[in-house]
Amino acid sequence: MTAARHASTIPRWGSDGARALLLAGLLACGAAPSRDGVAVIASGADLESANPLVTVHPLARQIQRHVLFVTLARYDSTLHPVPYFARRWSWSADRRTLTLSLAHDLRWHDGAPTTARDAVFTFDAARDPRTGSPRAGELATLESSSAPDDTTLVLRFATAQPALPAFLCELPIVPEHLLARVPREAMRRDPFATAPVGNGPFRFVERVAAQRWVFERNEQFPPALGGPPLLRRLVVAVVDEPATKMAGLVSGDLDMAGIAPTMAPLAARDPTLRVVEYPISLSIGLVFNVHHPALADRRVREAISLSIDRARIIAAAAGGFGTPAAGPVPDASPFALGEPALRDTVRADSLLDAAGWRRTAGGVRARGAPLSLELLTVGSGENVAEQLIQADLAARGIGVTIRQLEMGAFLARARARPRRFGVLLTGIAGDVALSQIPAMFDTRFRGGALDYGDFHTASLDSLLARTRSASSDAELAAAWRGVQRELAREVPVAWIYHARGIQGVARRLGGVRMDLRGELATVSSWTTDAARRAR
C-alpha cells in the first residue's frame, strides 16, 4: 500500500491534527507502505518520562519494565517472581542478605555492558530523597547494595525479608555511565527522560512531544532473557479523545487502545477487533489539599467522601468496569481491609454543620464566605466523573469549579508549592508492594512525585514503618490494614473506585495477554498476521 493510498484510507474522525499524528507516526517509523511487524498503541497522554527513577505515569512504567529496560526479576502470570536479569539468587540464613547472580551478556543500547554496578547506582538513586522517586518507599528496608564483581549483586536489608522484595520486579535498572553525573534533584529534567538509552527488548528511536514515541526491536537482546521480540517496531501514539481512539481502532490505524466502556459493545461487533477486560492496579481518588482553609478540617473531608455516590460514578463514567473504593488497596490484594465504601448524606450534613459550614437561604454552605472548591483534573472534553462529583457536592451545599488541564500542567499544579487547588481527581497506579501508599503519605517522601495532598502525620509514619519491619506475611498484612484504618480515619483522599481495564485490540495482533502486570506484559511475544504466517 503506498503512502498516498494509506493517507486516503484514514477516515474523517477526530481533529485533523489527531489523524495527522497517527499517519506521521506510521510514516516516521517506516511502517508505510507495510505495517507488517509494527504495532501502534494509544496512550491517553504523553508518557511523563522514560526515566524509571521518577515516573508515575502507568503506561510509562510499563514501557520501562517491558519494552525499554529490564528488572532484576519479573512476575509470571501468577505474580510469582521468576529470573530475568538476575539469573539466580540465594538468601543468607537470617534472610537479611540476598546475593544475586546476573546475566553476563546484557548490554545498554549504546553498547556499554550492563553490570551489577548499574543496579547499585539505581537503588542508591531511588533511595536518595533528592531524586524524589515514587519508588523510594519500596527500598526503605534496603540498608546497602554492593557489586563484588560485574555479575554479582549483594543486597543487605535492615530486617528479615519474608519474600523476594517487590522492587526487584518493579524497578528497572538504569545506566550508571549516563546518569551518574546528573544531580539527583535534576533527574526529572534531564534529557534522558525524553531520549533514553535502555537495555531491554526494544530500543528507543524517537519522541515527538505530545504525538508519539517510537521503539524498534533490539536484535542483540540475550536469548536467556527472551531474545529479540517478534515485532520490529512499537509505536505509542498520544490520542486523548475516546472517540478518536475508537475510530482509530475501527480504521486500522491503531492496533490497541483503551476504550470507553460505553463503546465496548460497538467494538465487540467489529470483526476486526476484540475487547479485552482485565484487572489493573489503578485506584481513582479525590485528593484533598489539606492546607486549604476548609479542607484542613477532617470533618469536611469526611463529609465530602460520604457525599459521593460511587456506584453512580462507576456506572456512568466507568461503564460498570470498577468497584467502589473505601481505601487505596483494591479488594483483590491480600492486604485489603475489606470494608465497604460508605455513602451517608445525613452524616455528611451533620459533619458540615459541626464544622461551622451552615446552609444559607439559597442552600449554599458558608462560614462568612461560601464553601467553594476548585477541582483539578486531566482532560479536554466531557468528564463525567467530575460532573457527578460536582453534582453530589452541590446537593450538600458545596460549590465545585472543574478545571481541566493537560497532563503536564496537571502534574505541575499538583506538585507545586504552596498548593493552590482545593481537590484533584486522579488515578493512582499501584503495584503488588503497595509502594504508592508511602509515596503519597510517608513524611520521608514529602515533595515526591505522588505527594499531591501533602498529608503527613507521625502516627501514619509509625504505621508505615511497621510495613517495612514486618518479618512474616501475617505481620505484613496486619501492618497494611493498620495503615488503611488510619487513612480511613483521617480521609486525606476520598477514594472513588478501583478500576478495571478495557482495551480494544486488533485481531491482526497476536500474543496479547493482559493481567495485573499490565497491558504490555507479553509485548515481546506480540506478532502480526503476516509475521505469524511467515513463522
Protein backbone atom coordinates (compact mmCIF):
# COMPACT_ATOMS: atom_id res chain seq x y z
CA MET A 1 0.00 0.00 0.00
CA THR A 2 1.51 3.37 -0.96
CA ALA A 3 1.76 6.26 1.48
CA ALA A 4 -0.79 8.21 -0.56
CA ARG A 5 -3.25 5.34 -0.51
CA HIS A 6 -2.70 4.84 3.20
CA ALA A 7 -3.48 8.53 3.77
CA SER A 8 -6.65 8.25 1.74
CA THR A 9 -7.93 5.40 3.90
CA ILE A 10 -7.82 7.42 7.12
CA PRO A 11 -11.44 8.17 7.99
CA ARG A 12 -12.74 11.57 8.99
CA TRP A 13 -12.61 11.14 12.73
CA GLY A 14 -11.31 13.50 15.38
CA SER A 15 -9.31 16.57 14.52
CA ASP A 16 -7.03 16.89 11.51
CA GLY A 17 -4.15 17.02 13.97
CA ALA A 18 -5.13 13.69 15.53
CA ARG A 19 -5.33 12.00 12.13
CA ALA A 20 -2.07 13.56 11.07
CA LEU A 21 -0.13 12.47 14.14
CA LEU A 22 -1.13 8.83 13.66
CA LEU A 23 -0.17 8.84 10.00
CA ALA A 24 3.02 10.75 10.73
CA GLY A 25 3.92 8.20 13.39
CA LEU A 26 3.48 5.32 10.96
CA LEU A 27 5.49 7.06 8.26
CA ALA A 28 8.23 8.17 10.62
CA CYS A 29 8.81 4.68 11.95
CA GLY A 30 8.92 3.21 8.46
CA ALA A 31 5.55 1.47 8.73
CA ALA A 32 4.31 2.70 5.37
CA PRO A 33 3.81 1.16 2.92
CA SER A 34 3.69 -2.02 5.04
CA ARG A 35 2.52 -2.35 8.65
CA ASP A 36 3.78 -5.91 8.99
CA GLY A 37 5.67 -6.31 12.24
CA VAL A 38 4.54 -2.91 13.53
CA ALA A 39 2.09 -2.35 16.37
CA VAL A 40 0.59 1.07 17.09
CA ILE A 41 -0.91 1.52 20.54
CA ALA A 42 -2.64 4.55 22.03
CA SER A 43 -1.74 6.45 25.16
CA GLY A 44 -4.26 8.92 26.55
CA ALA A 45 -1.46 11.32 27.50
CA ASP A 46 2.16 11.81 26.58
CA LEU A 47 4.43 9.48 28.54
CA GLU A 48 5.57 11.52 31.52
CA SER A 49 9.19 10.36 31.39
CA ALA A 50 11.26 7.41 30.25
CA ASN A 51 13.33 7.53 33.45
CA PRO A 52 12.15 4.78 35.86
CA LEU A 53 13.51 6.70 38.85
CA VAL A 54 10.92 9.49 38.61
CA THR A 55 7.89 8.16 36.71
CA VAL A 56 4.33 7.81 37.98
CA HIS A 57 2.52 7.57 34.61
CA PRO A 58 1.12 3.99 34.43
CA LEU A 59 1.83 3.31 30.75
CA ALA A 60 5.29 4.86 31.01
CA ARG A 61 6.07 2.43 33.84
CA GLN A 62 5.03 -0.47 31.63
CA ILE A 63 7.14 0.80 28.74
CA GLN A 64 10.08 0.92 31.13
CA ARG A 65 9.58 -2.57 32.59
CA HIS A 66 8.58 -4.49 29.48
CA VAL A 67 9.95 -2.54 26.49
CA LEU A 68 12.92 -0.28 27.17
CA PHE A 69 14.69 -1.63 30.28
CA VAL A 70 14.93 -4.80 32.34
CA THR A 71 14.31 -5.53 36.00
CA LEU A 72 16.31 -7.97 38.10
CA ALA A 73 13.34 -10.35 38.36
CA ARG A 74 9.89 -10.27 36.83
CA TYR A 75 6.45 -11.60 37.62
CA ASP A 76 4.98 -14.56 35.79
CA SER A 77 1.24 -14.67 35.04
CA THR A 78 0.53 -15.87 38.59
CA LEU A 79 2.52 -12.93 40.05
CA HIS A 80 5.35 -15.13 41.28
CA PRO A 81 8.88 -13.72 40.81
CA VAL A 82 10.99 -15.51 38.22
CA PRO A 83 14.56 -14.81 36.99
CA TYR A 84 15.22 -12.05 34.49
CA PHE A 85 18.47 -10.01 34.57
CA ALA A 86 19.21 -11.88 37.79
CA ARG A 87 19.50 -15.50 36.67
CA ARG A 88 19.51 -16.93 40.22
CA TRP A 89 19.66 -15.75 43.83
CA SER A 90 20.10 -17.02 47.37
CA TRP A 91 19.35 -15.79 50.90
CA SER A 92 21.51 -15.81 53.99
CA ALA A 93 20.27 -17.88 56.94
CA ASP A 94 18.75 -14.82 58.62
CA ARG A 95 17.13 -13.68 55.32
CA ARG A 96 18.74 -10.26 55.58
CA THR A 97 21.32 -10.70 52.81
CA LEU A 98 20.36 -11.52 49.24
CA THR A 99 23.02 -12.48 46.70
CA LEU A 100 22.05 -12.35 43.03
CA SER A 101 23.95 -13.69 40.02
CA LEU A 102 23.34 -11.55 36.93
CA ALA A 103 23.42 -12.27 33.20
CA HIS A 104 26.84 -11.53 31.69
CA ASP A 105 25.78 -10.60 28.15
CA LEU A 106 23.24 -7.81 28.59
CA ARG A 107 24.28 -4.50 27.02
CA TRP A 108 22.92 -0.99 27.03
CA HIS A 109 21.67 0.11 23.64
CA ASP A 110 24.78 2.29 23.22
CA GLY A 111 26.96 -0.85 23.50
CA ALA A 112 28.15 -0.50 27.12
CA PRO A 113 27.76 -3.61 29.28
CA THR A 114 25.05 -3.72 31.95
CA THR A 115 26.65 -4.72 35.25
CA ALA A 116 25.87 -5.06 38.93
CA ARG A 117 27.21 -1.52 39.39
CA ASP A 118 24.23 -0.23 37.39
CA ALA A 119 21.90 -1.94 39.86
CA VAL A 120 23.75 -0.43 42.84
CA PHE A 121 23.53 3.01 41.24
CA THR A 122 19.80 2.53 40.54
CA PHE A 123 18.96 1.60 44.11
CA ASP A 124 21.10 4.36 45.61
CA ALA A 125 19.48 6.96 43.35
CA ALA A 126 15.96 5.71 44.04
CA ARG A 127 16.54 5.88 47.81
CA ASP A 128 18.01 9.39 47.69
CA PRO A 129 15.32 11.92 48.78
CA ARG A 130 16.73 14.44 46.31
CA THR A 131 15.63 12.20 43.43
CA GLY A 132 12.01 12.28 44.60
CA SER A 133 11.41 8.75 43.36
CA PRO A 134 7.90 7.35 43.91
CA ARG A 135 9.67 4.00 44.36
CA ALA A 136 11.68 5.13 47.38
CA GLY A 137 9.26 3.56 49.85
CA GLU A 138 9.84 0.12 48.40
CA LEU A 139 13.55 0.35 49.18
CA ALA A 140 13.16 1.61 52.75
CA THR A 141 14.39 -1.62 54.34
CA LEU A 142 17.39 -1.89 52.00
CA GLU A 143 20.44 -0.99 54.09
CA SER A 144 23.07 -1.33 51.39
CA SER A 145 23.85 -2.73 47.97
CA SER A 146 27.24 -3.71 46.59
CA ALA A 147 28.80 -5.20 43.49
CA PRO A 148 31.72 -7.55 44.29
CA ASP A 149 32.08 -8.04 40.53
CA ASP A 150 30.20 -7.28 37.30
CA THR A 151 27.74 -10.15 37.64
CA THR A 152 27.26 -10.35 41.43
CA LEU A 153 24.92 -8.09 43.38
CA VAL A 154 24.64 -8.22 47.17
CA LEU A 155 21.67 -6.59 48.92
CA ARG A 156 21.55 -6.20 52.70
CA PHE A 157 18.28 -5.44 54.50
CA ALA A 158 17.50 -3.96 57.90
CA THR A 159 15.08 -6.77 58.73
CA ALA A 160 14.44 -10.34 57.63
CA GLN A 161 12.55 -10.46 54.36
CA PRO A 162 9.63 -12.90 54.16
CA ALA A 163 9.74 -12.94 50.36
CA LEU A 164 11.66 -11.54 47.41
CA PRO A 165 11.19 -7.75 47.65
CA ALA A 166 8.77 -6.48 45.05
CA PHE A 167 11.06 -3.69 43.86
CA LEU A 168 13.25 -6.30 42.21
CA CYS A 169 10.36 -6.93 39.82
CA GLU A 170 9.09 -3.36 39.68
CA LEU A 171 12.10 -1.03 39.39
CA PRO A 172 14.07 -1.23 36.12
CA ILE A 173 17.84 -0.83 36.18
CA VAL A 174 19.17 2.46 34.76
CA PRO A 175 22.62 3.19 33.25
CA GLU A 176 25.19 4.50 35.71
CA HIS A 177 27.52 5.68 32.94
CA LEU A 178 24.83 8.06 31.61
CA LEU A 179 23.17 9.25 34.81
CA ALA A 180 25.89 9.29 37.48
CA ARG A 181 26.81 12.90 36.72
CA VAL A 182 23.20 14.12 36.73
CA PRO A 183 22.35 15.87 40.03
CA ARG A 184 19.72 13.81 41.79
CA GLU A 185 17.34 16.76 42.07
CA ALA A 186 17.64 17.27 38.28
CA MET A 187 16.73 13.70 37.26
CA ARG A 188 13.22 14.72 36.25
CA ARG A 189 14.53 17.47 33.94
CA ASP A 190 17.48 15.65 32.40
CA PRO A 191 17.30 14.94 28.63
CA PHE A 192 17.49 11.21 29.40
CA ALA A 193 13.77 11.46 30.29
CA THR A 194 12.83 12.00 26.65
CA ALA A 195 15.82 10.48 24.84
CA PRO A 196 16.59 7.36 26.88
CA VAL A 197 19.18 4.65 26.38
CA GLY A 198 17.81 1.34 27.60
CA ASN A 199 18.89 -2.29 27.67
CA GLY A 200 15.55 -4.03 27.09
CA PRO A 201 13.99 -5.91 24.16
CA PHE A 202 13.17 -2.66 22.32
CA ARG A 203 15.41 0.36 21.78
CA PHE A 204 14.27 3.99 21.70
CA VAL A 205 14.12 5.60 18.23
CA GLU A 206 12.34 8.94 18.58
CA ARG A 207 9.87 11.02 20.52
CA VAL A 208 7.71 13.82 19.18
CA ALA A 209 6.24 15.69 22.14
CA ALA A 210 2.51 15.07 22.66
CA GLN A 211 2.40 12.96 19.48
CA ARG A 212 4.35 9.70 19.57
CA TRP A 213 7.15 7.53 20.93
CA VAL A 214 8.80 5.00 18.60
CA PHE A 215 10.75 1.89 19.62
CA GLU A 216 12.39 -0.79 17.48
CA ARG A 217 13.46 -4.37 18.06
CA ASN A 218 16.76 -4.90 19.88
CA GLU A 219 18.39 -7.60 17.77
CA GLN A 220 21.07 -8.17 20.42
CA PHE A 221 18.72 -8.89 23.31
CA PRO A 222 20.13 -12.02 25.03
CA PRO A 223 18.38 -15.34 24.37
CA ALA A 224 18.46 -16.20 28.10
CA LEU A 225 16.29 -13.14 28.76
CA GLY A 226 13.86 -13.96 25.95
CA GLY A 227 15.78 -12.94 22.84
CA PRO A 228 14.69 -10.27 20.34
CA PRO A 229 10.93 -9.56 20.28
CA LEU A 230 8.79 -10.68 17.37
CA LEU A 231 7.61 -7.17 16.45
CA ARG A 232 10.09 -4.99 14.60
CA ARG A 233 8.59 -1.71 15.83
CA LEU A 234 6.29 -0.46 18.53
CA VAL A 235 4.69 2.98 18.23
CA VAL A 236 2.95 4.72 21.13
CA ALA A 237 0.59 7.35 19.69
CA VAL A 238 -0.75 10.04 22.01
CA VAL A 239 -4.52 10.12 21.49
CA ASP A 240 -6.60 11.56 24.31
CA GLU A 241 -10.17 11.58 22.96
CA PRO A 242 -12.17 8.33 23.47
CA ALA A 243 -13.99 8.76 20.17
CA THR A 244 -10.68 9.26 18.37
CA LYS A 245 -9.26 6.09 19.89
CA MET A 246 -12.31 4.10 18.86
CA ALA A 247 -12.23 5.45 15.32
CA GLY A 248 -8.52 4.68 15.12
CA LEU A 249 -9.21 1.06 16.06
CA VAL A 250 -12.03 0.73 13.54
CA SER A 251 -9.96 2.28 10.74
CA GLY A 252 -6.96 0.08 11.49
CA ASP A 253 -4.62 2.97 12.31
CA LEU A 254 -4.47 1.80 15.94
CA ASP A 255 -3.83 -1.78 16.98
CA MET A 256 -4.59 -1.34 20.67
CA ALA A 257 -6.29 1.38 22.68
CA GLY A 258 -8.13 1.78 25.92
CA ILE A 259 -11.77 2.30 25.07
CA ALA A 260 -14.65 3.88 26.89
CA PRO A 261 -16.91 1.24 28.47
CA THR A 262 -19.86 2.65 26.54
CA MET A 263 -18.01 1.80 23.32
CA ALA A 264 -17.24 -1.81 24.27
CA PRO A 265 -20.42 -3.23 22.63
CA LEU A 266 -19.59 -1.41 19.40
CA ALA A 267 -16.03 -2.73 19.41
CA ALA A 268 -17.25 -6.26 20.14
CA ARG A 269 -19.41 -6.19 16.99
CA ASP A 270 -16.47 -5.23 14.76
CA PRO A 271 -14.99 -8.41 13.19
CA THR A 272 -11.52 -6.84 13.06
CA LEU A 273 -11.42 -6.17 16.82
CA ARG A 274 -11.67 -7.96 20.12
CA VAL A 275 -12.43 -6.49 23.53
CA VAL A 276 -10.17 -7.44 26.43
CA GLU A 277 -11.24 -6.82 30.04
CA TYR A 278 -8.59 -7.35 32.71
CA PRO A 279 -7.68 -6.40 36.31
CA ILE A 280 -5.44 -3.39 36.83
CA SER A 281 -3.79 -1.75 39.83
CA LEU A 282 -5.37 1.68 39.43
CA SER A 283 -7.42 3.46 42.07
CA ILE A 284 -9.34 6.66 41.35
CA GLY A 285 -9.31 9.15 44.18
CA LEU A 286 -10.27 12.70 45.09
CA VAL A 287 -7.10 14.06 46.74
CA PHE A 288 -7.57 16.88 49.22
CA ASN A 289 -5.26 19.85 49.65
CA VAL A 290 -5.14 19.68 53.44
CA HIS A 291 -3.73 23.23 53.58
CA HIS A 292 -6.93 24.67 52.11
CA PRO A 293 -8.73 26.62 54.88
CA ALA A 294 -11.85 24.45 54.69
CA LEU A 295 -10.16 21.11 53.92
CA ALA A 296 -7.74 21.34 56.84
CA ASP A 297 -10.75 20.19 58.91
CA ARG A 298 -11.02 16.41 58.83
CA ARG A 299 -14.80 16.67 59.26
CA VAL A 300 -15.15 18.48 55.95
CA ARG A 301 -13.04 15.88 54.16
CA GLU A 302 -15.12 13.07 55.64
CA ALA A 303 -18.35 14.85 54.71
CA ILE A 304 -17.21 15.13 51.10
CA SER A 305 -16.31 11.44 50.98
CA LEU A 306 -19.69 10.46 52.47
CA SER A 307 -21.49 12.63 49.88
CA ILE A 308 -20.18 10.81 46.81
CA ASP A 309 -22.37 8.28 45.03
CA ARG A 310 -19.65 5.89 43.93
CA ALA A 311 -21.98 3.35 42.33
CA ARG A 312 -23.42 6.03 40.07
CA ILE A 313 -19.96 7.22 39.04
CA ILE A 314 -18.84 3.67 38.24
CA ALA A 315 -21.97 3.04 36.19
CA ALA A 316 -21.92 6.34 34.28
CA ALA A 317 -18.24 7.17 33.97
CA ALA A 318 -16.65 3.70 34.01
CA GLY A 319 -19.44 1.73 32.39
CA GLY A 320 -19.53 -0.60 35.36
CA PHE A 321 -15.85 -1.51 34.99
CA GLY A 322 -14.84 -0.82 38.58
CA THR A 323 -15.61 -1.50 42.23
CA PRO A 324 -16.40 1.13 44.92
CA ALA A 325 -13.30 2.09 46.92
CA ALA A 326 -13.17 2.61 50.66
CA GLY A 327 -9.39 2.97 50.59
CA PRO A 328 -6.29 2.75 48.39
CA VAL A 329 -5.97 -1.06 48.32
CA PRO A 330 -8.05 -3.00 45.75
CA ASP A 331 -10.16 -5.88 47.02
CA ALA A 332 -8.05 -8.37 45.05
CA SER A 333 -4.99 -7.58 47.16
CA PRO A 334 -4.21 -9.92 50.09
CA PHE A 335 -3.70 -6.76 52.16
CA ALA A 336 -7.16 -5.30 51.50
CA LEU A 337 -9.07 -4.14 54.58
CA GLY A 338 -12.33 -5.46 53.16
CA GLU A 339 -14.61 -2.71 54.49
CA PRO A 340 -17.34 -1.23 52.26
CA ALA A 341 -17.31 2.29 50.86
CA LEU A 342 -19.98 4.34 52.64
CA ARG A 343 -22.40 6.99 51.44
CA ASP A 344 -24.30 8.79 54.19
CA THR A 345 -25.61 12.23 53.27
CA VAL A 346 -27.28 12.72 56.65
CA ARG A 347 -23.97 12.28 58.45
CA ALA A 348 -22.27 14.45 55.82
CA ASP A 349 -24.69 17.30 56.57
CA SER A 350 -24.14 16.83 60.31
CA LEU A 351 -20.35 16.99 59.92
CA LEU A 352 -20.53 20.14 57.82
CA ASP A 353 -22.84 21.77 60.38
CA ALA A 354 -20.46 20.82 63.18
CA ALA A 355 -17.54 22.33 61.27
CA GLY A 356 -19.44 25.64 61.09
CA TRP A 357 -20.43 25.45 57.43
CA ARG A 358 -24.15 26.26 57.65
CA ARG A 359 -26.61 26.42 54.79
CA THR A 360 -27.71 29.87 53.71
CA ALA A 361 -31.19 30.70 52.48
CA GLY A 362 -30.06 29.73 48.99
CA GLY A 363 -28.84 26.33 50.15
CA VAL A 364 -25.14 27.16 49.80
CA ARG A 365 -22.95 26.40 52.79
CA ALA A 366 -20.99 29.32 54.11
CA ARG A 367 -18.91 30.39 57.05
CA GLY A 368 -18.67 34.04 56.21
CA ALA A 369 -17.66 33.17 52.61
CA PRO A 370 -19.30 30.32 50.63
CA LEU A 371 -17.70 26.87 50.72
CA SER A 372 -16.30 26.63 47.20
CA LEU A 373 -13.54 24.36 45.82
CA GLU A 374 -11.54 24.09 42.62
CA LEU A 375 -11.34 20.52 41.26
CA LEU A 376 -8.31 19.83 39.06
CA THR A 377 -8.49 17.04 36.51
CA VAL A 378 -6.86 15.85 33.29
CA GLY A 379 -8.85 16.13 30.08
CA SER A 380 -10.08 18.30 27.27
CA GLY A 381 -13.69 17.20 26.85
CA GLU A 382 -16.58 15.77 28.79
CA ASN A 383 -15.50 14.48 32.20
CA VAL A 384 -18.44 12.54 33.57
CA ALA A 385 -16.97 11.56 36.95
CA GLU A 386 -16.05 15.15 37.74
CA GLN A 387 -19.52 16.38 36.84
CA LEU A 388 -21.16 13.75 39.03
CA ILE A 389 -18.92 14.68 41.96
CA GLN A 390 -19.79 18.32 41.35
CA ALA A 391 -23.50 17.44 41.50
CA ASP A 392 -23.12 15.30 44.64
CA LEU A 393 -21.35 18.11 46.47
CA ALA A 394 -23.74 20.76 45.21
CA ALA A 395 -26.53 18.78 46.87
CA ARG A 396 -24.66 19.24 50.15
CA GLY A 397 -24.25 22.98 49.51
CA ILE A 398 -20.61 22.82 48.39
CA GLY A 399 -19.65 24.65 45.21
CA VAL A 400 -17.17 22.97 42.85
CA THR A 401 -15.45 24.53 39.83
CA ILE A 402 -13.94 21.97 37.45
CA ARG A 403 -10.63 22.90 35.83
CA GLN A 404 -9.38 20.54 33.11
CA LEU A 405 -5.67 20.54 32.27
CA GLU A 406 -3.37 18.55 30.04
CA MET A 407 -1.19 16.03 31.88
CA GLY A 408 1.96 18.13 32.19
CA ALA A 409 0.12 21.17 33.51
CA PHE A 410 -1.90 18.99 35.88
CA LEU A 411 1.22 17.43 37.41
CA ALA A 412 2.88 20.83 37.72
CA ARG A 413 -0.13 22.20 39.62
CA ALA A 414 -0.46 19.05 41.74
CA ARG A 415 3.19 19.19 42.84
CA ALA A 416 3.60 22.96 43.16
CA ARG A 417 4.49 24.54 46.49
CA PRO A 418 2.44 26.02 48.00
CA ARG A 419 -0.70 24.12 46.95
CA ARG A 420 -3.18 26.34 45.12
CA PHE A 421 -6.07 23.97 44.46
CA GLY A 422 -8.88 22.53 46.51
CA VAL A 423 -9.11 18.93 45.33
CA LEU A 424 -7.83 16.95 42.40
CA LEU A 425 -9.24 13.82 40.80
CA THR A 426 -6.62 11.39 39.59
CA GLY A 427 -5.80 7.75 39.10
CA ILE A 428 -3.09 6.35 41.38
CA ALA A 429 -1.25 3.44 39.80
CA GLY A 430 -0.34 0.73 42.26
CA ASP A 431 1.67 -2.45 42.40
CA VAL A 432 1.97 -5.65 44.41
CA ALA A 433 4.15 -3.93 47.03
CA LEU A 434 1.64 -1.07 47.54
CA SER A 435 4.54 1.35 47.03
CA GLN A 436 2.11 4.07 46.00
CA ILE A 437 0.89 4.46 49.61
CA PRO A 438 4.17 5.52 51.25
CA ALA A 439 4.95 7.58 48.14
CA MET A 440 1.77 9.57 48.87
CA PHE A 441 1.84 9.76 52.67
CA ASP A 442 5.22 8.95 54.23
CA THR A 443 6.94 12.09 55.57
CA ARG A 444 10.27 10.81 54.23
CA PHE A 445 8.92 11.31 50.72
CA ARG A 446 7.41 14.76 51.22
CA GLY A 447 7.73 16.63 47.95
CA GLY A 448 7.97 13.44 45.91
CA ALA A 449 6.18 12.62 42.67
CA LEU A 450 3.00 11.30 44.34
CA ASP A 451 2.86 13.73 47.25
CA TYR A 452 -0.15 15.56 45.84
CA GLY A 453 -2.01 16.33 49.06
CA ASP A 454 0.99 16.96 51.37
CA PHE A 455 -0.67 14.94 54.13
CA HIS A 456 1.85 13.53 56.63
CA THR A 457 1.50 12.63 60.31
CA ALA A 458 3.68 10.97 62.93
CA SER A 459 1.00 8.33 63.50
CA LEU A 460 0.89 7.40 59.83
CA ASP A 461 4.69 7.35 59.62
CA SER A 462 4.80 4.90 62.53
CA LEU A 463 2.24 2.62 60.91
CA LEU A 464 4.06 2.69 57.58
CA ALA A 465 7.28 1.80 59.39
CA ARG A 466 5.60 -1.40 60.57
CA THR A 467 5.03 -2.46 56.95
CA ARG A 468 8.80 -2.21 56.44
CA SER A 469 9.77 -4.12 59.56
CA ALA A 470 7.26 -6.99 59.20
CA SER A 471 9.04 -10.36 59.23
CA SER A 472 6.14 -12.55 58.12
CA ASP A 473 3.26 -12.39 55.68
CA ALA A 474 0.79 -12.22 58.58
CA GLU A 475 2.63 -9.29 60.17
CA LEU A 476 2.80 -7.53 56.81
CA ALA A 477 -0.95 -7.91 56.19
CA ALA A 478 -1.75 -6.64 59.71
CA ALA A 479 0.55 -3.65 59.25
CA TRP A 480 -1.04 -2.64 55.95
CA ARG A 481 -4.52 -2.94 57.44
CA GLY A 482 -3.44 -0.61 60.23
CA VAL A 483 -2.33 1.92 57.61
CA GLN A 484 -5.68 1.67 55.85
CA ARG A 485 -7.63 2.22 59.08
CA GLU A 486 -5.63 5.37 59.80
CA LEU A 487 -6.21 6.68 56.28
CA ALA A 488 -9.94 5.95 56.64
CA ARG A 489 -9.98 7.92 59.89
CA GLU A 490 -8.08 10.94 58.57
CA VAL A 491 -9.52 10.98 55.00
CA PRO A 492 -6.68 12.70 53.12
CA VAL A 493 -8.23 11.16 49.98
CA ALA A 494 -11.82 10.31 49.14
CA TRP A 495 -11.25 7.07 47.24
CA ILE A 496 -13.86 6.66 44.50
CA TYR A 497 -13.31 3.32 42.76
CA HIS A 498 -10.79 0.67 41.81
CA ALA A 499 -10.71 0.45 38.03
CA ARG A 500 -10.78 -2.47 35.65
CA GLY A 501 -9.04 -2.21 32.31
CA ILE A 502 -10.78 -2.47 28.97
CA GLN A 503 -8.87 -2.43 25.70
CA GLY A 504 -9.80 -2.73 22.09
CA VAL A 505 -7.26 -4.92 20.27
CA ALA A 506 -6.94 -5.50 16.53
CA ARG A 507 -7.29 -9.16 15.63
CA ARG A 508 -4.21 -8.81 13.40
CA LEU A 509 -2.22 -8.52 16.61
CA GLY A 510 -1.49 -11.88 18.24
CA GLY A 511 0.10 -12.90 21.52
CA VAL A 512 -1.61 -10.16 23.53
CA ARG A 513 -2.49 -11.17 27.09
CA MET A 514 -3.27 -8.80 29.94
CA ASP A 515 -3.37 -9.21 33.69
CA LEU A 516 -2.26 -7.36 36.81
CA ARG A 517 1.20 -6.96 35.29
CA GLY A 518 -0.32 -4.60 32.72
CA GLU A 519 -1.21 -4.34 29.07
CA LEU A 520 2.38 -4.78 27.85
CA ALA A 521 3.48 -7.77 29.92
CA THR A 522 3.65 -10.01 26.84
CA VAL A 523 4.78 -7.37 24.30
CA SER A 524 7.91 -9.32 23.35
CA SER A 525 5.63 -12.12 22.10
CA TRP A 526 3.26 -9.91 20.11
CA THR A 527 3.14 -10.54 16.40
CA THR A 528 1.08 -9.60 13.36
CA ASP A 529 -0.87 -11.65 10.82
CA ALA A 530 1.81 -11.73 8.15
CA ALA A 531 4.55 -12.43 10.68
CA ARG A 532 2.54 -15.37 12.07
CA ARG A 533 2.12 -16.76 8.57
CA ALA A 534 5.85 -16.42 7.93
CA ARG A 535 6.61 -18.37 11.12
